[in-house]
Amino acid sequence: MNKKHFNISIFLIIFLFIEIFINSSSITKTIYQSSYIWFYNIVPSIFPIYLLVDLLINYQIIDVFSKLFKKFMNKFFLLKKETSFVFILSIISGFPSNSKYIKSLLDSKTINLKEANKLLMFTHFSNPLFIIESIGVSFLQNKKIGILILLVHYFSNIIIGLLTRKYYVSIDSELAIKKHEKTSFITCLTNSIYNTLKILFLLYGIITFFMIITTILKENFSVNPLLNNFLCGLLEMTQGIYYIGSTNLSLPLKASIITFFLSFGGFSIHMQVFSILKDYKLKYFDYFLARISHALISSSIIYLLLQLGNY
């Protein structure tokens, strides 16, 4: 870290420290709110899937997916068969786990940086249980709309993959996947629980940090409530979804904005993804453009479908 960045960091830390004392009541309330969202919405929807996926990885699921989805990855995305592991498991478990899977392929030298960049652009899938249960049932009180958002979110991400298919072409691969040593189920289960909890607490920390930032901004700057909610969603997706879900907006507009947040991910998710991949110099700008495109496509589709459906 150079001196300029160091000075800026120190200034921001001191500023946050002062703000926490000045607005202690609001920030304490925000921490309670983030804890509630994390414990009642994030953990129930993410923990079981993350745990099961981590167990599958211990049993060499990469080899299975490579054989089953070789033609799919080659034909549609012009990528080698091993990348199907990231694509399929990202659909099942959701972000930021895609970055963890990409890192495992980079660590084993199964893929290069260009392939990792390309994968990162279209494997930004939210956890399916979070979309259906947290967004559909809890925030929108409509499970059918939750399922519709899930389908559109996934479909529009595949569109991003098709649009970027010629970003880097790498179909053939003779690299062997590194074999895992055989371990007992109890050992695998213990390791999977530890890995899952580590990710969940990372999510909790980053969600809380960004919610504190948005609270400080709200306390110091007077803006339109709807604009404030939108800015909150850009910073921290879960908080933005929570706020928009509590507004009196029409259902199509509310669902469209929530879908935008979901597909963009929020800068807190971006931070999680690139912190996991910090050992590799991946292109954030490409990832950012993909997220904006994904958000615009998915939110537009949801709005039109709900308007046509007279919701």
Protein backbone atom coordinates (compact mmCIF):
# COMPACT_ATOMS: atom_id res chain seq x y z
CA MET A 1 0.00 0.00 0.00
CA ASN A 2 1.47 3.37 -1.05
CA LYS A 3 1.50 6.41 1.23
CA LYS A 4 -1.47 8.10 -0.48
CA HIS A 5 -3.72 5.03 -0.11
CA PHE A 6 -2.50 4.54 3.45
CA ASN A 7 -3.45 8.13 4.39
CA ILE A 8 -6.89 7.80 2.77
CA SER A 9 -7.49 4.52 4.61
CA ILE A 10 -6.51 6.05 7.96
CA PHE A 11 -8.79 9.04 7.32
CA LEU A 12 -11.76 6.79 6.48
CA ILE A 13 -11.19 4.61 9.54
CA ILE A 14 -11.04 7.65 11.83
CA PHE A 15 -14.16 9.10 10.15
CA LEU A 16 -16.07 5.85 10.66
CA PHE A 17 -14.87 5.64 14.25
CA ILE A 18 -16.20 9.16 14.98
CA GLU A 19 -19.49 8.46 13.18
CA ILE A 20 -20.06 5.30 15.21
CA PHE A 21 -19.94 7.41 18.40
CA ILE A 22 -22.02 10.29 17.01
CA ASN A 23 -24.73 8.03 15.54
CA SER A 24 -24.35 5.14 17.98
CA SER A 25 -28.11 4.64 18.32
CA SER A 26 -28.74 4.37 14.55
CA ILE A 27 -25.71 2.17 13.97
CA THR A 28 -26.63 -0.17 16.84
CA LYS A 29 -30.09 -0.49 15.29
CA THR A 30 -28.46 -1.20 11.91
CA ILE A 31 -26.30 -3.96 13.41
CA TYR A 32 -29.40 -5.55 14.95
CA GLN A 33 -31.13 -5.31 11.57
CA SER A 34 -28.20 -6.85 9.69
CA SER A 35 -28.04 -9.65 12.28
CA TYR A 36 -31.77 -10.31 11.82
CA ILE A 37 -31.50 -10.39 8.01
CA TRP A 38 -28.44 -12.63 8.16
CA PHE A 39 -29.83 -15.10 10.73
CA TYR A 40 -33.42 -15.35 9.51
CA ASN A 41 -33.01 -14.87 5.73
CA ILE A 42 -29.42 -15.65 4.70
CA VAL A 43 -28.46 -18.59 6.93
CA PRO A 44 -31.59 -20.77 6.39
CA SER A 45 -31.43 -20.38 2.60
CA ILE A 46 -27.67 -20.71 2.13
CA PHE A 47 -26.31 -23.02 4.84
CA PRO A 48 -27.82 -26.35 3.64
CA ILE A 49 -26.85 -25.83 -0.02
CA TYR A 50 -23.32 -24.59 0.75
CA LEU A 51 -22.80 -27.56 3.05
CA LEU A 52 -24.00 -30.14 0.51
CA VAL A 53 -21.99 -28.60 -2.34
CA ASP A 54 -18.82 -28.58 -0.25
CA LEU A 55 -19.37 -32.26 0.53
CA LEU A 56 -19.78 -33.00 -3.18
CA ILE A 57 -16.49 -31.26 -3.98
CA ASN A 58 -14.73 -33.63 -1.56
CA TYR A 59 -16.07 -36.54 -3.61
CA GLN A 60 -14.53 -35.34 -6.91
CA ILE A 61 -17.70 -33.87 -8.38
CA ILE A 62 -15.53 -31.93 -10.88
CA ASP A 63 -14.85 -35.15 -12.81
CA VAL A 64 -18.54 -36.01 -12.97
CA PHE A 65 -19.60 -32.58 -14.25
CA SER A 66 -16.73 -32.52 -16.76
CA LYS A 67 -18.04 -35.70 -18.37
CA LEU A 68 -21.74 -34.81 -18.23
CA PHE A 69 -21.57 -31.20 -19.43
CA LYS A 70 -18.54 -31.21 -21.75
CA LYS A 71 -20.57 -30.62 -24.94
CA PHE A 72 -22.70 -27.95 -23.26
CA MET A 73 -19.73 -25.83 -22.17
CA ASN A 74 -17.87 -26.39 -25.47
CA LYS A 75 -20.80 -25.53 -27.73
CA PHE A 76 -22.53 -22.69 -25.91
CA PHE A 77 -19.72 -20.91 -24.06
CA LEU A 78 -16.60 -22.07 -25.95
CA LEU A 79 -14.94 -23.18 -22.72
CA LYS A 80 -13.23 -26.39 -21.68
CA LYS A 81 -15.18 -29.14 -19.95
CA GLU A 82 -13.73 -28.56 -16.46
CA THR A 83 -15.44 -25.16 -16.24
CA SER A 84 -18.85 -26.88 -16.11
CA PHE A 85 -18.08 -27.57 -12.45
CA VAL A 86 -18.14 -23.82 -11.70
CA PHE A 87 -21.20 -23.13 -13.85
CA ILE A 88 -23.44 -25.88 -12.42
CA LEU A 89 -22.44 -25.53 -8.77
CA SER A 90 -22.78 -21.73 -8.95
CA ILE A 91 -26.41 -22.24 -10.01
CA ILE A 92 -26.96 -24.51 -7.03
CA SER A 93 -25.11 -22.60 -4.31
CA GLY A 94 -25.06 -18.98 -5.53
CA PHE A 95 -22.53 -16.17 -5.23
CA PRO A 96 -19.88 -15.61 -3.90
CA SER A 97 -19.20 -19.37 -4.07
CA ASN A 98 -18.51 -19.08 -7.82
CA SER A 99 -15.30 -17.21 -6.96
CA LYS A 100 -14.29 -20.01 -4.58
CA TYR A 101 -14.78 -22.62 -7.33
CA ILE A 102 -12.89 -20.49 -9.86
CA LYS A 103 -10.05 -20.12 -7.38
CA SER A 104 -9.83 -23.89 -6.96
CA LEU A 105 -9.42 -24.29 -10.75
CA LEU A 106 -6.83 -21.50 -10.85
CA ASP A 107 -4.92 -23.03 -7.94
CA SER A 108 -4.73 -26.38 -9.74
CA LYS A 109 -3.78 -24.60 -13.01
CA THR A 110 -6.79 -26.16 -14.72
CA ILE A 111 -7.78 -22.77 -16.14
CA ASN A 112 -5.86 -19.56 -16.88
CA LEU A 113 -6.68 -15.95 -15.98
CA LYS A 114 -8.57 -15.26 -19.23
CA GLU A 115 -10.78 -18.28 -18.69
CA ALA A 116 -11.32 -17.23 -15.07
CA ASN A 117 -12.35 -13.71 -16.19
CA LYS A 118 -14.82 -15.13 -18.67
CA LEU A 119 -16.30 -17.56 -16.14
CA LEU A 120 -16.68 -14.82 -13.56
CA MET A 121 -18.76 -12.75 -15.98
CA PHE A 122 -21.64 -15.25 -16.32
CA THR A 123 -21.56 -17.44 -13.20
CA HIS A 124 -23.07 -14.74 -10.99
CA PHE A 125 -26.07 -16.79 -9.79
CA SER A 126 -27.90 -16.03 -6.58
CA ASN A 127 -28.82 -18.86 -4.23
CA PRO A 128 -32.16 -20.37 -5.44
CA LEU A 129 -33.58 -20.77 -1.92
CA PHE A 130 -32.75 -17.14 -1.15
CA ILE A 131 -34.66 -15.97 -4.24
CA ILE A 132 -37.72 -18.19 -3.69
CA GLU A 133 -38.00 -18.06 0.09
CA SER A 134 -36.40 -14.76 1.15
CA ILE A 135 -37.39 -12.61 -1.83
CA GLY A 136 -40.55 -14.37 -3.02
CA VAL A 137 -42.12 -15.38 0.29
CA SER A 138 -40.62 -12.96 2.85
CA PHE A 139 -40.13 -9.69 0.91
CA LEU A 140 -42.78 -9.90 -1.87
CA GLN A 141 -45.24 -12.29 -0.17
CA ASN A 142 -45.63 -14.15 -3.46
CA LYS A 143 -43.78 -17.43 -4.03
CA LYS A 144 -44.75 -17.57 -7.74
CA ILE A 145 -43.04 -14.23 -8.38
CA GLY A 146 -40.01 -15.53 -6.50
CA ILE A 147 -39.83 -18.50 -8.88
CA LEU A 148 -40.28 -16.17 -11.88
CA ILE A 149 -37.44 -13.94 -10.66
CA LEU A 150 -35.28 -17.05 -10.24
CA LEU A 151 -35.89 -18.19 -13.83
CA VAL A 152 -35.33 -14.72 -15.32
CA HIS A 153 -32.22 -14.16 -13.20
CA TYR A 154 -30.71 -17.42 -14.47
CA PHE A 155 -31.86 -16.98 -18.08
CA SER A 156 -30.44 -13.46 -18.38
CA ASN A 157 -27.13 -14.62 -16.91
CA ILE A 158 -26.93 -17.29 -19.62
CA ILE A 159 -27.53 -14.48 -22.14
CA ILE A 160 -24.43 -12.75 -20.73
CA GLY A 161 -22.52 -16.01 -21.21
CA LEU A 162 -23.64 -16.23 -24.84
CA LEU A 163 -22.78 -12.57 -25.51
CA THR A 164 -19.28 -13.08 -24.10
CA ARG A 165 -18.68 -16.56 -25.63
CA LYS A 166 -15.98 -15.22 -27.96
CA TYR A 167 -14.29 -13.21 -25.21
CA TYR A 168 -11.79 -16.06 -24.93
CA VAL A 169 -12.06 -19.47 -26.65
CA SER A 170 -10.58 -22.56 -24.96
CA ILE A 171 -12.37 -25.79 -25.79
CA ASP A 172 -9.64 -28.44 -25.74
CA SER A 173 -8.03 -29.43 -22.47
CA GLU A 174 -5.66 -32.25 -21.66
CA LEU A 175 -5.09 -31.16 -18.09
CA ALA A 176 -5.91 -33.70 -15.46
CA ILE A 177 -7.90 -32.70 -12.43
CA LYS A 178 -5.97 -33.14 -9.24
CA LYS A 179 -7.34 -36.14 -7.34
CA HIS A 180 -8.46 -35.75 -3.78
CA GLU A 181 -7.14 -38.05 -1.12
CA LYS A 182 -9.79 -40.36 0.29
CA THR A 183 -10.98 -39.24 3.69
CA SER A 184 -13.72 -40.41 6.03
CA PHE A 185 -17.22 -39.00 5.77
CA ILE A 186 -16.95 -37.53 9.29
CA THR A 187 -13.78 -35.64 8.31
CA CYS A 188 -15.42 -34.38 5.10
CA LEU A 189 -18.53 -33.31 7.02
CA THR A 190 -16.48 -31.48 9.66
CA ASN A 191 -14.43 -29.65 7.02
CA SER A 192 -17.57 -28.77 5.03
CA ILE A 193 -19.30 -27.34 8.11
CA TYR A 194 -16.21 -25.25 8.89
CA ASN A 195 -15.94 -23.98 5.28
CA THR A 196 -19.65 -23.16 5.14
CA LEU A 197 -19.66 -21.28 8.44
CA LYS A 198 -16.53 -19.37 7.38
CA ILE A 199 -18.31 -18.11 4.25
CA LEU A 200 -21.50 -17.30 6.19
CA PHE A 201 -19.61 -15.24 8.78
CA LEU A 202 -17.70 -13.49 5.98
CA LEU A 203 -21.08 -12.59 4.46
CA TYR A 204 -22.31 -11.37 7.85
CA GLY A 205 -19.27 -9.14 8.34
CA ILE A 206 -19.42 -7.56 4.89
CA ILE A 207 -23.22 -7.13 4.98
CA THR A 208 -22.98 -5.42 8.39
CA PHE A 209 -20.09 -3.19 7.27
CA PHE A 210 -21.93 -1.95 4.18
CA MET A 211 -25.18 -1.48 6.11
CA ILE A 212 -23.28 0.71 8.58
CA ILE A 213 -21.89 2.73 5.64
CA THR A 214 -25.38 3.26 4.20
CA THR A 215 -26.69 4.29 7.65
CA ILE A 216 -23.90 6.87 7.98
CA LEU A 217 -24.66 8.24 4.51
CA LYS A 218 -28.36 8.46 5.36
CA GLU A 219 -27.63 10.27 8.62
CA ASN A 220 -25.33 12.84 6.95
CA PHE A 221 -27.04 13.42 3.60
CA SER A 222 -30.69 14.22 3.00
CA VAL A 223 -31.93 12.48 -0.16
CA ASN A 224 -35.21 11.17 -1.53
CA PRO A 225 -36.19 7.98 0.40
CA LEU A 226 -36.57 5.93 -2.78
CA LEU A 227 -33.20 7.14 -4.09
CA ASN A 228 -31.68 6.35 -0.71
CA ASN A 229 -33.10 2.80 -0.86
CA PHE A 230 -31.70 2.37 -4.38
CA LEU A 231 -28.24 3.58 -3.33
CA CYS A 232 -28.37 1.21 -0.37
CA GLY A 233 -29.13 -1.67 -2.75
CA LEU A 234 -26.17 -0.78 -4.95
CA LEU A 235 -23.88 -0.89 -1.92
CA GLU A 236 -25.41 -3.87 -0.12
CA MET A 237 -27.89 -6.02 -2.03
CA THR A 238 -29.72 -7.60 0.93
CA GLN A 239 -30.40 -4.26 2.64
CA GLY A 240 -31.65 -2.74 -0.62
CA ILE A 241 -34.00 -5.68 -1.19
CA TYR A 242 -35.26 -5.38 2.39
CA TYR A 243 -35.96 -1.64 2.01
CA ILE A 244 -37.60 -1.90 -1.44
CA GLY A 245 -39.71 -4.84 -0.25
CA SER A 246 -41.08 -2.58 2.51
CA THR A 247 -42.14 0.27 0.18
CA ASN A 248 -45.56 0.97 -1.33
CA LEU A 249 -44.35 0.72 -4.93
CA SER A 250 -46.37 -1.27 -7.46
CA LEU A 251 -45.51 -4.97 -7.49
CA PRO A 252 -43.97 -4.93 -11.03
CA LEU A 253 -41.72 -1.97 -10.16
CA LYS A 254 -40.80 -3.40 -6.76
CA ALA A 255 -39.93 -6.81 -8.25
CA SER A 256 -37.98 -5.15 -11.08
CA ILE A 257 -35.80 -3.11 -8.70
CA ILE A 258 -35.22 -6.14 -6.47
CA THR A 259 -34.21 -8.18 -9.54
CA PHE A 260 -31.81 -5.39 -10.54
CA PHE A 261 -30.14 -5.57 -7.10
CA LEU A 262 -30.01 -9.35 -7.29
CA SER A 263 -28.31 -9.43 -10.70
CA PHE A 264 -25.95 -6.56 -9.95
CA GLY A 265 -25.07 -8.08 -6.59
CA GLY A 266 -24.12 -4.87 -4.82
CA PHE A 267 -20.58 -3.69 -4.21
CA SER A 268 -20.48 -5.79 -1.05
CA ILE A 269 -20.80 -8.96 -3.17
CA HIS A 270 -18.20 -7.61 -5.61
CA MET A 271 -15.88 -7.09 -2.65
CA GLN A 272 -16.48 -10.67 -1.43
CA VAL A 273 -15.79 -12.14 -4.88
CA PHE A 274 -12.53 -10.27 -5.42
CA SER A 275 -11.34 -10.78 -1.85
CA ILE A 276 -11.58 -14.55 -2.42
CA LEU A 277 -9.68 -14.15 -5.71
CA LYS A 278 -7.17 -11.62 -4.33
CA ASP A 279 -4.18 -13.81 -5.28
CA TYR A 280 -5.00 -13.46 -8.98
CA LYS A 281 -5.10 -10.31 -11.13
CA LEU A 282 -8.60 -10.58 -12.59
CA LYS A 283 -10.31 -7.73 -14.44
CA TYR A 284 -12.90 -6.05 -12.26
CA PHE A 285 -14.09 -3.74 -15.07
CA ASP A 286 -15.20 -6.72 -17.21
CA TYR A 287 -17.01 -8.22 -14.22
CA PHE A 288 -18.65 -4.84 -13.46
CA LEU A 289 -19.91 -4.43 -17.06
CA ALA A 290 -21.32 -7.95 -16.99
CA ARG A 291 -23.17 -7.23 -13.74
CA ILE A 292 -24.68 -3.98 -15.07
CA SER A 293 -25.78 -5.75 -18.27
CA HIS A 294 -27.19 -8.67 -16.30
CA ALA A 295 -29.10 -6.30 -13.99
CA LEU A 296 -30.61 -4.26 -16.84
CA ILE A 297 -31.67 -7.32 -18.84
CA SER A 298 -33.23 -9.25 -15.95
CA SER A 299 -35.03 -6.27 -14.36
CA SER A 300 -36.51 -5.23 -17.73
CA ILE A 301 -37.78 -8.75 -18.43
CA ILE A 302 -39.38 -9.06 -14.97
CA TYR A 303 -41.11 -5.69 -15.29
CA LEU A 304 -42.56 -6.52 -18.73
CA LEU A 305 -43.70 -10.01 -17.65
CA LEU A 306 -45.48 -8.72 -14.53
CA GLN A 307 -47.06 -5.86 -16.46
CA LEU A 308 -48.34 -8.30 -19.09
CA GLY A 309 -49.57 -10.57 -16.30
CA ASN A 310 -51.56 -7.67 -14.73
CA TYR A 311 -49.90 -7.91 -11.32
